[in-house]
C-alpha atoms as a PDB file:
ATOM      1  CA  UNK A   1      32.094  -3.618  -7.794  1.00  0.00           C
ATOM      2  CA  UNK A   2      32.800  -5.968 -10.680  1.00  0.00           C
ATOM      3  CA  UNK A   3      32.970  -4.297 -14.068  1.00  0.00           C
ATOM      4  CA  UNK A   4      30.632  -6.981 -15.457  1.00  0.00           C
ATOM      5  CA  UNK A   5      27.938  -5.916 -12.948  1.00  0.00           C
ATOM      6  CA  UNK A   6      28.404  -2.203 -13.504  1.00  0.00           C
ATOM      7  CA  UNK A   7      25.575  -0.480 -15.407  1.00  0.00           C
ATOM      8  CA  UNK A   8      27.275   1.756 -17.961  1.00  0.00           C
ATOM      9  CA  UNK A   9      23.950   2.666 -19.589  1.00  0.00           C
ATOM     10  CA  UNK A  10      23.131   5.144 -16.818  1.00  0.00           C
ATOM     11  CA  UNK A  11      26.410   7.069 -17.060  1.00  0.00           C
ATOM     12  CA  UNK A  12      27.050  10.467 -18.605  1.00  0.00           C
ATOM     13  CA  UNK A  13      30.663  10.518 -19.769  1.00  0.00           C
ATOM     14  CA  UNK A  14      32.701  13.413 -21.107  1.00  0.00           C
ATOM     15  CA  UNK A  15      35.713  12.775 -23.353  1.00  0.00           C
ATOM     16  CA  UNK A  16      38.169  15.663 -23.751  1.00  0.00           C
ATOM     17  CA  UNK A  17      40.911  15.202 -26.346  1.00  0.00           C
ATOM     18  CA  UNK A  18      42.177  17.331 -29.214  1.00  0.00           C
ATOM     19  CA  UNK A  19      42.626  14.277 -31.430  1.00  0.00           C
ATOM     20  CA  UNK A  20      39.456  13.351 -33.337  1.00  0.00           C
ATOM     21  CA  UNK A  21      40.556   9.738 -33.789  1.00  0.00           C
ATOM     22  CA  UNK A  22      41.240   9.256 -30.070  1.00  0.00           C
ATOM     23  CA  UNK A  23      37.805  10.643 -29.200  1.00  0.00           C
ATOM     24  CA  UNK A  24      36.239   8.352 -31.814  1.00  0.00           C
ATOM     25  CA  UNK A  25      38.010   5.270 -30.416  1.00  0.00           C
ATOM     26  CA  UNK A  26      37.164   6.056 -26.783  1.00  0.00           C
ATOM     27  CA  UNK A  27      33.537   6.675 -27.750  1.00  0.00           C
ATOM     28  CA  UNK A  28      33.509   3.347 -29.616  1.00  0.00           C
ATOM     29  CA  UNK A  29      34.766   1.539 -26.496  1.00  0.00           C
ATOM     30  CA  UNK A  30      32.263   3.316 -24.254  1.00  0.00           C
ATOM     31  CA  UNK A  31      29.395   2.379 -26.563  1.00  0.00           C
ATOM     32  CA  UNK A  32      30.509  -1.258 -26.409  1.00  0.00           C
ATOM     33  CA  UNK A  33      30.454  -1.014 -22.608  1.00  0.00           C
ATOM     34  CA  UNK A  34      26.810   0.109 -22.868  1.00  0.00           C
ATOM     35  CA  UNK A  35      27.160   3.877 -22.431  1.00  0.00           C
ATOM     36  CA  UNK A  36      24.415   5.934 -23.988  1.00  0.00           C
ATOM     37  CA  UNK A  37      25.288   9.542 -23.090  1.00  0.00           C
ATOM     38  CA  UNK A  38      28.742  10.515 -24.290  1.00  0.00           C
ATOM     39  CA  UNK A  39      29.839  14.123 -24.694  1.00  0.00           C
ATOM     40  CA  UNK A  40      33.004  15.285 -26.460  1.00  0.00           C
ATOM     41  CA  UNK A  41      35.267  18.329 -26.370  1.00  0.00           C
ATOM     42  CA  UNK A  42      38.513  19.253 -28.139  1.00  0.00           C
ATOM     43  CA  UNK A  43      40.217  21.143 -25.285  1.00  0.00           C
ATOM     44  CA  UNK A  44      39.930  21.986 -21.611  1.00  0.00           C
ATOM     45  CA  UNK A  45      37.922  25.186 -22.096  1.00  0.00           C
ATOM     46  CA  UNK A  46      35.222  23.632 -24.266  1.00  0.00           C
ATOM     47  CA  UNK A  47      35.324  20.592 -21.973  1.00  0.00           C
ATOM     48  CA  UNK A  48      34.673  22.828 -18.989  1.00  0.00           C
ATOM     49  CA  UNK A  49      31.649  24.384 -20.715  1.00  0.00           C
ATOM     50  CA  UNK A  50      30.187  20.933 -21.398  1.00  0.00           C
ATOM     51  CA  UNK A  51      31.106  19.788 -17.885  1.00  0.00           C
ATOM     52  CA  UNK A  52      29.157  22.660 -16.300  1.00  0.00           C
ATOM     53  CA  UNK A  53      26.158  22.157 -18.585  1.00  0.00           C
ATOM     54  CA  UNK A  54      25.874  18.361 -18.659  1.00  0.00           C
ATOM     55  CA  UNK A  55      27.352  17.443 -15.238  1.00  0.00           C
ATOM     56  CA  UNK A  56      28.919  14.138 -16.333  1.00  0.00           C
ATOM     57  CA  UNK A  57      29.476  11.236 -13.963  1.00  0.00           C
ATOM     58  CA  UNK A  58      33.099  10.854 -15.082  1.00  0.00           C
ATOM     59  CA  UNK A  59      35.569  12.583 -17.413  1.00  0.00           C
ATOM     60  CA  UNK A  60      38.251  11.016 -19.612  1.00  0.00           C
ATOM     61  CA  UNK A  61      40.727  13.761 -20.446  1.00  0.00           C
ATOM     62  CA  UNK A  62      43.957  14.197 -22.385  1.00  0.00           C
ATOM     63  CA  UNK A  63      46.689  16.372 -20.873  1.00  0.00           C
ATOM     64  CA  UNK A  64      48.451  18.004 -23.819  1.00  0.00           C
ATOM     65  CA  UNK A  65      45.857  20.232 -25.537  1.00  0.00           C
ATOM     66  CA  UNK A  66      45.659  23.886 -26.543  1.00  0.00           C
ATOM     67  CA  UNK A  67      44.499  26.430 -25.612  1.00  0.00           C
ATOM     68  CA  UNK A  68      43.616  24.754 -22.298  1.00  0.00           C
ATOM     69  CA  UNK A  69      45.280  21.514 -21.262  1.00  0.00           C
ATOM     70  CA  UNK A  70      44.056  18.757 -18.974  1.00  0.00           C
ATOM     71  CA  UNK A  71      45.736  20.298 -15.934  1.00  0.00           C
ATOM     72  CA  UNK A  72      43.824  23.568 -16.424  1.00  0.00           C
ATOM     73  CA  UNK A  73      40.600  21.605 -16.806  1.00  0.00           C
ATOM     74  CA  UNK A  74      41.263  19.558 -13.656  1.00  0.00           C
ATOM     75  CA  UNK A  75      42.214  22.669 -11.656  1.00  0.00           C
ATOM     76  CA  UNK A  76      38.973  24.385 -12.671  1.00  0.00           C
ATOM     77  CA  UNK A  77      36.896  21.333 -11.708  1.00  0.00           C
ATOM     78  CA  UNK A  78      38.601  20.841  -8.330  1.00  0.00           C
ATOM     79  CA  UNK A  79      38.133  24.576  -7.550  1.00  0.00           C
ATOM     80  CA  UNK A  80      34.363  24.420  -8.076  1.00  0.00           C
ATOM     81  CA  UNK A  81      32.040  24.367  -5.102  1.00  0.00           C
ATOM     82  CA  UNK A  82      29.739  21.531  -4.192  1.00  0.00           C
ATOM     83  CA  UNK A  83      29.796  17.858  -5.101  1.00  0.00           C
ATOM     84  CA  UNK A  84      30.560  18.515  -8.776  1.00  0.00           C
ATOM     85  CA  UNK A  85      34.179  19.198  -7.808  1.00  0.00           C
ATOM     86  CA  UNK A  86      34.492  15.508  -6.864  1.00  0.00           C
ATOM     87  CA  UNK A  87      33.515  14.110 -10.275  1.00  0.00           C
ATOM     88  CA  UNK A  88      36.137  11.494 -11.179  1.00  0.00           C
ATOM     89  CA  UNK A  89      38.630  12.546 -13.841  1.00  0.00           C
ATOM     90  CA  UNK A  90      40.813  10.031 -15.654  1.00  0.00           C
ATOM     91  CA  UNK A  91      43.819  11.319 -17.566  1.00  0.00           C
ATOM     92  CA  UNK A  92      44.386   9.377 -20.776  1.00  0.00           C
ATOM     93  CA  UNK A  93      47.672  10.595 -22.197  1.00  0.00           C
ATOM     94  CA  UNK A  94      50.906   9.706 -23.920  1.00  0.00           C
ATOM     95  CA  UNK A  95      52.943  11.391 -21.157  1.00  0.00           C
ATOM     96  CA  UNK A  96      54.614   8.742 -19.029  1.00  0.00           C
ATOM     97  CA  UNK A  97      57.260  10.924 -17.428  1.00  0.00           C
ATOM     98  CA  UNK A  98      57.348  11.146 -13.657  1.00  0.00           C
ATOM     99  CA  UNK A  99      56.771  14.914 -13.494  1.00  0.00           C
ATOM    100  CA  UNK A 100      53.393  14.660 -15.257  1.00  0.00           C
ATOM    101  CA  UNK A 101      52.269  11.724 -13.115  1.00  0.00           C
ATOM    102  CA  UNK A 102      53.373  13.432  -9.887  1.00  0.00           C
ATOM    103  CA  UNK A 103      51.590  16.658 -10.797  1.00  0.00           C
ATOM    104  CA  UNK A 104      48.411  14.749 -11.656  1.00  0.00           C
ATOM    105  CA  UNK A 105      48.487  12.852  -8.345  1.00  0.00           C
ATOM    106  CA  UNK A 106      49.024  16.091  -6.414  1.00  0.00           C
ATOM    107  CA  UNK A 107      45.967  17.507  -8.176  1.00  0.00           C
ATOM    108  CA  UNK A 108      43.856  14.538  -7.056  1.00  0.00           C
ATOM    109  CA  UNK A 109      43.487  12.800 -10.409  1.00  0.00           C
ATOM    110  CA  UNK A 110      41.411   9.637 -10.090  1.00  0.00           C
ATOM    111  CA  UNK A 111      43.367   7.582 -12.605  1.00  0.00           C
ATOM    112  CA  UNK A 112      46.238   8.030 -15.032  1.00  0.00           C
ATOM    113  CA  UNK A 113      46.259   5.874 -18.155  1.00  0.00           C
ATOM    114  CA  UNK A 114      48.654   5.776 -21.074  1.00  0.00           C
ATOM    115  CA  UNK A 115      47.646   5.825 -24.741  1.00  0.00           C
ATOM    116  CA  UNK A 116      46.883   3.598 -26.443  1.00  0.00           C
ATOM    117  CA  UNK A 117      44.690   2.015 -23.790  1.00  0.00           C
ATOM    118  CA  UNK A 118      43.150  -1.433 -24.034  1.00  0.00           C
ATOM    119  CA  UNK A 119      39.349  -1.288 -23.745  1.00  0.00           C
ATOM    120  CA  UNK A 120      39.279  -3.738 -20.827  1.00  0.00           C
ATOM    121  CA  UNK A 121      41.809  -1.619 -18.930  1.00  0.00           C
ATOM    122  CA  UNK A 122      39.784   1.548 -19.551  1.00  0.00           C
ATOM    123  CA  UNK A 123      36.633  -0.182 -18.340  1.00  0.00           C
ATOM    124  CA  UNK A 124      38.325  -1.380 -15.136  1.00  0.00           C
ATOM    125  CA  UNK A 125      39.580   2.119 -14.345  1.00  0.00           C
ATOM    126  CA  UNK A 126      36.204   3.734 -14.977  1.00  0.00           C
ATOM    127  CA  UNK A 127      34.535   1.265 -12.598  1.00  0.00           C
ATOM    128  CA  UNK A 128      37.285   1.712 -10.022  1.00  0.00           C
ATOM    129  CA  UNK A 129      37.127   5.526 -10.108  1.00  0.00           C
ATOM    130  CA  UNK A 130      33.339   5.614  -9.821  1.00  0.00           C
ATOM    131  CA  UNK A 131      33.280   2.955  -7.101  1.00  0.00           C
ATOM    132  CA  UNK A 132      35.812   4.869  -5.014  1.00  0.00           C
ATOM    133  CA  UNK A 133      33.718   8.042  -5.270  1.00  0.00           C
ATOM    134  CA  UNK A 134      30.573   6.147  -4.221  1.00  0.00           C
ATOM    135  CA  UNK A 135      32.366   4.774  -1.146  1.00  0.00           C
ATOM    136  CA  UNK A 136      33.822   8.164  -0.155  1.00  0.00           C
END
């Protein structure tokens, strides 16, 4: 599905990052895409609480956070029962080393993006991740 035809206004998106500025910038991009429901968390544990309560359509998550990092968050989501365990998760991180990427792929991450990310690139990966889940 083309990202220009994708209706972002119907999406619930959760941003998990310990950096306030990063969350602000991602939210700004999502609002420009047309998103209306955007939730935010500062770490994996608070992100998991919001995830369970709000049941977002997609999650954009940092890896390196305390007390719970992105890997702990992703593990908890993938260990849930039912369709919620298949919600797409995009890692947005500054970690480009092979070990992090390999671990994320093994954990069934839907996309792995490096900071800083261009808005158009983020948009493409959101559409791609959601489209793949709809076709699965």
